[in-house]
């Protein structure tokens, strides 16, 4: 059974940092490009970042460029999103997913508020 399980969400103050991990199982994680997608309250899905299968190439949405960092550990089947200098507009449910949209996690809520 394919599973992507995000964790590490929560409430953080503006300017703070948070690291969101995603544990993968049930498929060959090491050959799949992975992505992070978010959905703010009342809004549609927004692509955040992508990483290729070996972690050598990454890309980011303009809204998070320079503040967020995507990484992966293929030995541990883990995907990560490091979020720094968080802003209230980063408040959203964050989902890890296969870059082709084939696999999705259940999401973790990140709320940025003072």
N, C-alpha and C. Protein backbone atom coordinates (compact mmCIF):
# COMPACT_ATOMS: atom_id res chain seq x y z
N UNK A 1 0.84 -1.19 0.00
CA UNK A 1 0.00 0.00 0.00
C UNK A 1 0.88 1.25 0.00
N UNK A 2 0.61 2.13 -0.94
CA UNK A 2 1.35 3.39 -1.02
C UNK A 2 0.92 4.31 0.11
N UNK A 3 1.90 4.84 0.83
CA UNK A 3 1.60 5.80 1.89
C UNK A 3 2.58 6.96 1.87
N UNK A 4 2.05 8.16 2.03
CA UNK A 4 2.84 9.37 2.28
C UNK A 4 2.24 10.00 3.52
N UNK A 5 3.07 10.15 4.55
CA UNK A 5 2.57 10.65 5.83
C UNK A 5 3.38 11.87 6.24
N UNK A 6 2.71 13.02 6.22
CA UNK A 6 3.34 14.26 6.66
C UNK A 6 3.17 14.41 8.17
N UNK A 7 4.10 15.13 8.77
CA UNK A 7 4.00 15.45 10.19
C UNK A 7 4.72 16.78 10.42
N UNK A 8 4.73 17.23 11.67
CA UNK A 8 5.53 18.40 11.99
C UNK A 8 4.84 19.74 11.82
N UNK A 9 3.58 19.73 11.42
CA UNK A 9 2.86 21.00 11.31
C UNK A 9 2.54 21.57 12.68
N UNK A 10 2.02 22.80 12.68
CA UNK A 10 1.66 23.41 13.95
C UNK A 10 1.55 24.91 13.83
N UNK A 11 1.54 25.56 14.97
CA UNK A 11 1.43 27.02 15.05
C UNK A 11 2.82 27.61 15.24
N UNK A 12 3.15 28.59 14.42
CA UNK A 12 4.46 29.24 14.51
C UNK A 12 4.26 30.74 14.33
N UNK A 13 5.09 31.52 14.99
CA UNK A 13 4.99 32.97 14.88
C UNK A 13 5.60 33.46 13.57
N UNK A 14 5.14 34.59 13.07
CA UNK A 14 5.77 35.18 11.89
C UNK A 14 7.27 35.34 12.10
N UNK A 15 8.02 35.00 11.06
CA UNK A 15 9.47 35.04 11.16
C UNK A 15 10.09 33.76 11.66
N UNK A 16 9.26 32.86 12.12
CA UNK A 16 9.77 31.60 12.68
C UNK A 16 10.07 30.57 11.61
N UNK A 17 10.50 29.40 12.07
CA UNK A 17 10.88 28.31 11.17
C UNK A 17 10.16 27.04 11.56
N UNK A 18 10.01 26.16 10.57
CA UNK A 18 9.38 24.86 10.80
C UNK A 18 9.91 23.90 9.76
N UNK A 19 10.12 22.66 10.17
CA UNK A 19 10.53 21.61 9.24
C UNK A 19 9.45 20.55 9.18
N UNK A 20 8.95 20.31 7.98
CA UNK A 20 7.89 19.34 7.80
C UNK A 20 8.45 18.11 7.10
N UNK A 21 8.44 16.95 7.77
CA UNK A 21 8.88 15.72 7.13
C UNK A 21 7.71 14.96 6.51
N UNK A 22 8.03 14.12 5.55
CA UNK A 22 7.04 13.26 4.90
C UNK A 22 7.67 11.88 4.76
N UNK A 23 7.04 10.88 5.36
CA UNK A 23 7.53 9.51 5.31
C UNK A 23 6.83 8.75 4.19
N UNK A 24 7.61 8.12 3.32
CA UNK A 24 7.06 7.41 2.17
C UNK A 24 7.23 5.91 2.34
N UNK A 25 6.26 5.16 1.85
CA UNK A 25 6.34 3.70 1.88
C UNK A 25 5.43 3.13 0.81
N UNK A 26 5.70 1.88 0.43
CA UNK A 26 4.84 1.19 -0.52
C UNK A 26 5.17 1.41 -1.98
N UNK A 27 6.22 2.17 -2.26
CA UNK A 27 6.66 2.37 -3.64
C UNK A 27 8.15 2.66 -3.61
N UNK A 28 8.76 2.65 -4.80
CA UNK A 28 10.20 2.87 -4.90
C UNK A 28 10.47 4.37 -4.85
N UNK A 29 10.56 4.87 -3.65
CA UNK A 29 10.68 6.31 -3.41
C UNK A 29 11.88 6.91 -4.16
N UNK A 30 12.98 6.18 -4.19
CA UNK A 30 14.24 6.74 -4.68
C UNK A 30 14.23 7.08 -6.16
N UNK A 31 13.23 6.62 -6.92
CA UNK A 31 13.20 6.91 -8.35
C UNK A 31 12.10 7.91 -8.72
N UNK A 32 11.39 8.40 -7.72
CA UNK A 32 10.24 9.27 -7.97
C UNK A 32 10.56 10.72 -7.62
N UNK A 33 10.47 11.65 -8.59
CA UNK A 33 10.53 13.07 -8.23
C UNK A 33 9.36 13.40 -7.31
N UNK A 34 9.62 14.25 -6.33
CA UNK A 34 8.61 14.55 -5.33
C UNK A 34 8.34 16.05 -5.26
N UNK A 35 7.17 16.39 -4.74
CA UNK A 35 6.78 17.79 -4.71
C UNK A 35 6.06 18.10 -3.41
N UNK A 36 6.03 19.36 -3.05
CA UNK A 36 5.20 19.86 -1.96
C UNK A 36 4.15 20.80 -2.57
N UNK A 37 2.94 20.65 -2.12
CA UNK A 37 1.81 21.46 -2.57
C UNK A 37 1.09 21.95 -1.31
N UNK A 38 0.52 23.14 -1.36
CA UNK A 38 -0.20 23.64 -0.21
C UNK A 38 -1.57 24.17 -0.61
N UNK A 39 -2.45 24.23 0.38
CA UNK A 39 -3.78 24.77 0.15
C UNK A 39 -4.16 25.66 1.32
N UNK A 40 -4.25 26.94 1.06
CA UNK A 40 -4.66 27.90 2.09
C UNK A 40 -6.18 27.82 2.28
N UNK A 41 -6.66 28.25 3.44
CA UNK A 41 -8.10 28.20 3.70
C UNK A 41 -8.89 28.93 2.62
N UNK A 42 -9.86 28.26 2.03
CA UNK A 42 -10.72 28.87 1.04
C UNK A 42 -10.10 29.08 -0.32
N UNK A 43 -8.89 28.54 -0.53
CA UNK A 43 -8.20 28.73 -1.82
C UNK A 43 -7.88 27.38 -2.46
N UNK A 44 -7.41 27.44 -3.70
CA UNK A 44 -7.06 26.23 -4.41
C UNK A 44 -5.66 25.74 -4.07
N UNK A 45 -5.28 24.65 -4.69
CA UNK A 45 -3.95 24.09 -4.48
C UNK A 45 -2.89 25.00 -5.10
N UNK A 46 -1.79 25.15 -4.38
CA UNK A 46 -0.66 25.94 -4.86
C UNK A 46 0.60 25.08 -4.82
N UNK A 47 1.25 24.93 -5.95
CA UNK A 47 2.52 24.22 -5.99
C UNK A 47 3.57 25.02 -5.24
N UNK A 48 4.38 24.33 -4.42
CA UNK A 48 5.40 24.99 -3.60
C UNK A 48 6.81 24.70 -4.08
N UNK A 49 7.11 23.39 -4.28
CA UNK A 49 8.49 23.03 -4.58
C UNK A 49 8.54 21.64 -5.18
N UNK A 50 9.61 21.35 -5.90
CA UNK A 50 9.82 20.03 -6.48
C UNK A 50 11.29 19.65 -6.33
N UNK A 51 11.54 18.35 -6.23
CA UNK A 51 12.90 17.84 -6.15
C UNK A 51 12.98 16.60 -7.03
N UNK A 52 14.08 16.44 -7.75
CA UNK A 52 14.20 15.27 -8.61
C UNK A 52 14.55 14.04 -7.78
N UNK A 53 14.67 12.89 -8.44
CA UNK A 53 14.76 11.62 -7.73
C UNK A 53 16.01 11.50 -6.86
N UNK A 54 17.12 12.08 -7.28
CA UNK A 54 18.34 11.95 -6.48
C UNK A 54 18.65 13.19 -5.66
N UNK A 55 17.74 14.17 -5.71
CA UNK A 55 17.90 15.36 -4.90
C UNK A 55 18.83 16.40 -5.48
N UNK A 56 19.30 16.19 -6.69
CA UNK A 56 20.26 17.10 -7.28
C UNK A 56 19.67 18.36 -7.87
N UNK A 57 18.39 18.33 -8.17
CA UNK A 57 17.73 19.48 -8.79
C UNK A 57 16.47 19.82 -8.03
N UNK A 58 16.31 21.09 -7.72
CA UNK A 58 15.12 21.57 -7.00
C UNK A 58 14.58 22.82 -7.67
N UNK A 59 13.34 23.12 -7.39
CA UNK A 59 12.72 24.34 -7.90
C UNK A 59 11.67 24.80 -6.90
N UNK A 60 11.38 26.10 -6.92
CA UNK A 60 10.48 26.68 -5.93
C UNK A 60 9.53 27.68 -6.58
N UNK A 61 8.38 27.80 -5.98
CA UNK A 61 7.46 28.87 -6.36
C UNK A 61 8.08 30.20 -5.95
N UNK A 62 7.78 31.25 -6.71
CA UNK A 62 8.32 32.57 -6.39
C UNK A 62 7.98 33.00 -4.97
N UNK A 63 6.81 32.60 -4.51
CA UNK A 63 6.33 33.03 -3.20
C UNK A 63 7.15 32.47 -2.04
N UNK A 64 7.93 31.40 -2.28
CA UNK A 64 8.71 30.79 -1.20
C UNK A 64 10.20 30.76 -1.50
N UNK A 65 10.58 31.16 -2.69
CA UNK A 65 11.99 31.15 -3.10
C UNK A 65 12.84 31.92 -2.10
N UNK A 66 13.94 31.29 -1.66
CA UNK A 66 14.84 31.93 -0.70
C UNK A 66 14.46 31.74 0.75
N UNK A 67 13.25 31.24 1.00
CA UNK A 67 12.80 31.00 2.37
C UNK A 67 12.59 29.52 2.67
N UNK A 68 12.16 28.76 1.68
CA UNK A 68 11.89 27.33 1.86
C UNK A 68 12.99 26.51 1.18
N UNK A 69 13.20 25.31 1.71
CA UNK A 69 14.18 24.40 1.14
C UNK A 69 13.64 22.98 1.15
N UNK A 70 13.62 22.34 -0.01
CA UNK A 70 13.17 20.95 -0.13
C UNK A 70 14.39 20.04 -0.14
N UNK A 71 14.26 18.88 0.50
CA UNK A 71 15.35 17.91 0.48
C UNK A 71 14.76 16.52 0.65
N UNK A 72 15.58 15.51 0.44
CA UNK A 72 15.13 14.13 0.58
C UNK A 72 16.28 13.26 1.06
N UNK A 73 15.91 12.15 1.70
CA UNK A 73 16.86 11.13 2.12
C UNK A 73 16.35 9.81 1.55
N UNK A 74 16.92 9.38 0.46
CA UNK A 74 16.42 8.18 -0.21
C UNK A 74 16.70 6.89 0.58
N UNK A 75 17.69 6.92 1.45
CA UNK A 75 17.96 5.73 2.28
C UNK A 75 16.88 5.56 3.33
N UNK A 76 16.30 6.67 3.78
CA UNK A 76 15.27 6.62 4.81
C UNK A 76 13.86 6.79 4.24
N UNK A 77 13.75 6.95 2.92
CA UNK A 77 12.45 7.20 2.28
C UNK A 77 11.74 8.40 2.89
N UNK A 78 12.49 9.49 3.02
CA UNK A 78 11.95 10.69 3.65
C UNK A 78 12.09 11.89 2.73
N UNK A 79 11.08 12.73 2.75
CA UNK A 79 11.06 14.02 2.06
C UNK A 79 10.89 15.09 3.12
N UNK A 80 11.54 16.25 2.91
CA UNK A 80 11.48 17.31 3.91
C UNK A 80 11.18 18.65 3.24
N UNK A 81 10.54 19.52 4.01
CA UNK A 81 10.38 20.91 3.62
C UNK A 81 10.79 21.77 4.81
N UNK A 82 11.91 22.45 4.67
CA UNK A 82 12.36 23.40 5.69
C UNK A 82 11.81 24.77 5.34
N UNK A 83 11.06 25.35 6.26
CA UNK A 83 10.42 26.64 6.03
C UNK A 83 10.98 27.66 7.00
N UNK A 84 11.58 28.71 6.48
CA UNK A 84 12.16 29.78 7.29
C UNK A 84 11.45 31.09 7.00
N UNK A 85 11.61 32.04 7.91
CA UNK A 85 11.02 33.37 7.75
C UNK A 85 9.53 33.25 7.35
N UNK A 86 8.81 32.47 8.09
CA UNK A 86 7.42 32.21 7.76
C UNK A 86 6.56 33.47 7.88
N UNK A 87 5.58 33.56 6.99
CA UNK A 87 4.68 34.71 6.93
C UNK A 87 3.25 34.21 7.13
N UNK A 88 2.35 35.08 7.57
CA UNK A 88 0.95 34.66 7.73
C UNK A 88 0.36 34.06 6.45
N UNK A 89 0.81 34.56 5.30
CA UNK A 89 0.29 34.03 4.03
C UNK A 89 0.80 32.62 3.71
N UNK A 90 1.71 32.11 4.52
CA UNK A 90 2.15 30.72 4.37
C UNK A 90 1.21 29.75 5.08
N UNK A 91 0.25 30.27 5.81
CA UNK A 91 -0.73 29.42 6.49
C UNK A 91 -1.48 28.57 5.48
N UNK A 92 -1.41 27.25 5.66
CA UNK A 92 -2.02 26.32 4.70
C UNK A 92 -1.87 24.90 5.20
N UNK A 93 -2.60 24.01 4.55
CA UNK A 93 -2.33 22.58 4.69
C UNK A 93 -1.25 22.23 3.68
N UNK A 94 -0.21 21.56 4.12
CA UNK A 94 0.91 21.21 3.27
C UNK A 94 0.87 19.72 2.96
N UNK A 95 0.97 19.39 1.67
CA UNK A 95 0.89 18.02 1.20
C UNK A 95 2.18 17.64 0.47
N UNK A 96 2.70 16.46 0.77
CA UNK A 96 3.75 15.90 -0.08
C UNK A 96 3.08 15.01 -1.11
N UNK A 97 3.67 14.95 -2.29
CA UNK A 97 3.06 14.19 -3.38
C UNK A 97 4.12 13.77 -4.38
N UNK A 98 3.84 12.70 -5.10
CA UNK A 98 4.66 12.38 -6.24
C UNK A 98 4.51 13.49 -7.27
N UNK A 99 5.58 13.84 -7.94
CA UNK A 99 5.56 14.98 -8.86
C UNK A 99 4.57 14.76 -10.01
N UNK A 100 4.26 13.53 -10.32
CA UNK A 100 3.29 13.24 -11.38
C UNK A 100 1.86 13.29 -10.86
N UNK A 101 1.70 13.55 -9.59
CA UNK A 101 0.36 13.61 -9.01
C UNK A 101 -0.25 12.27 -8.72
N UNK A 102 0.59 11.24 -8.73
CA UNK A 102 0.08 9.89 -8.55
C UNK A 102 -0.07 9.51 -7.08
N UNK A 103 0.78 10.03 -6.23
CA UNK A 103 0.72 9.69 -4.81
C UNK A 103 0.54 10.98 -4.02
N UNK A 104 -0.30 10.93 -2.96
CA UNK A 104 -0.58 12.10 -2.13
C UNK A 104 -0.62 11.71 -0.67
N UNK A 105 -0.11 12.61 0.18
CA UNK A 105 -0.26 12.45 1.60
C UNK A 105 -1.57 13.05 2.08
N UNK A 106 -1.81 12.95 3.37
CA UNK A 106 -3.06 13.45 3.93
C UNK A 106 -2.95 14.92 4.34
N UNK A 107 -1.73 15.44 4.37
CA UNK A 107 -1.52 16.84 4.67
C UNK A 107 -1.25 17.12 6.14
N UNK A 108 -0.56 18.21 6.39
CA UNK A 108 -0.32 18.68 7.75
C UNK A 108 -0.55 20.19 7.76
N UNK A 109 -1.21 20.67 8.80
CA UNK A 109 -1.59 22.09 8.87
C UNK A 109 -0.45 22.91 9.46
N UNK A 110 -0.13 23.99 8.76
CA UNK A 110 0.84 24.97 9.26
C UNK A 110 0.11 26.30 9.39
N UNK A 111 0.15 26.86 10.58
CA UNK A 111 -0.50 28.14 10.85
C UNK A 111 0.54 29.13 11.34
N UNK A 112 0.63 30.25 10.65
CA UNK A 112 1.59 31.29 11.00
C UNK A 112 0.81 32.48 11.55
N UNK A 113 0.96 32.71 12.84
CA UNK A 113 0.19 33.75 13.50
C UNK A 113 0.85 34.16 14.80
N UNK A 114 0.68 35.42 15.14
CA UNK A 114 1.19 35.88 16.43
C UNK A 114 0.10 35.78 17.50
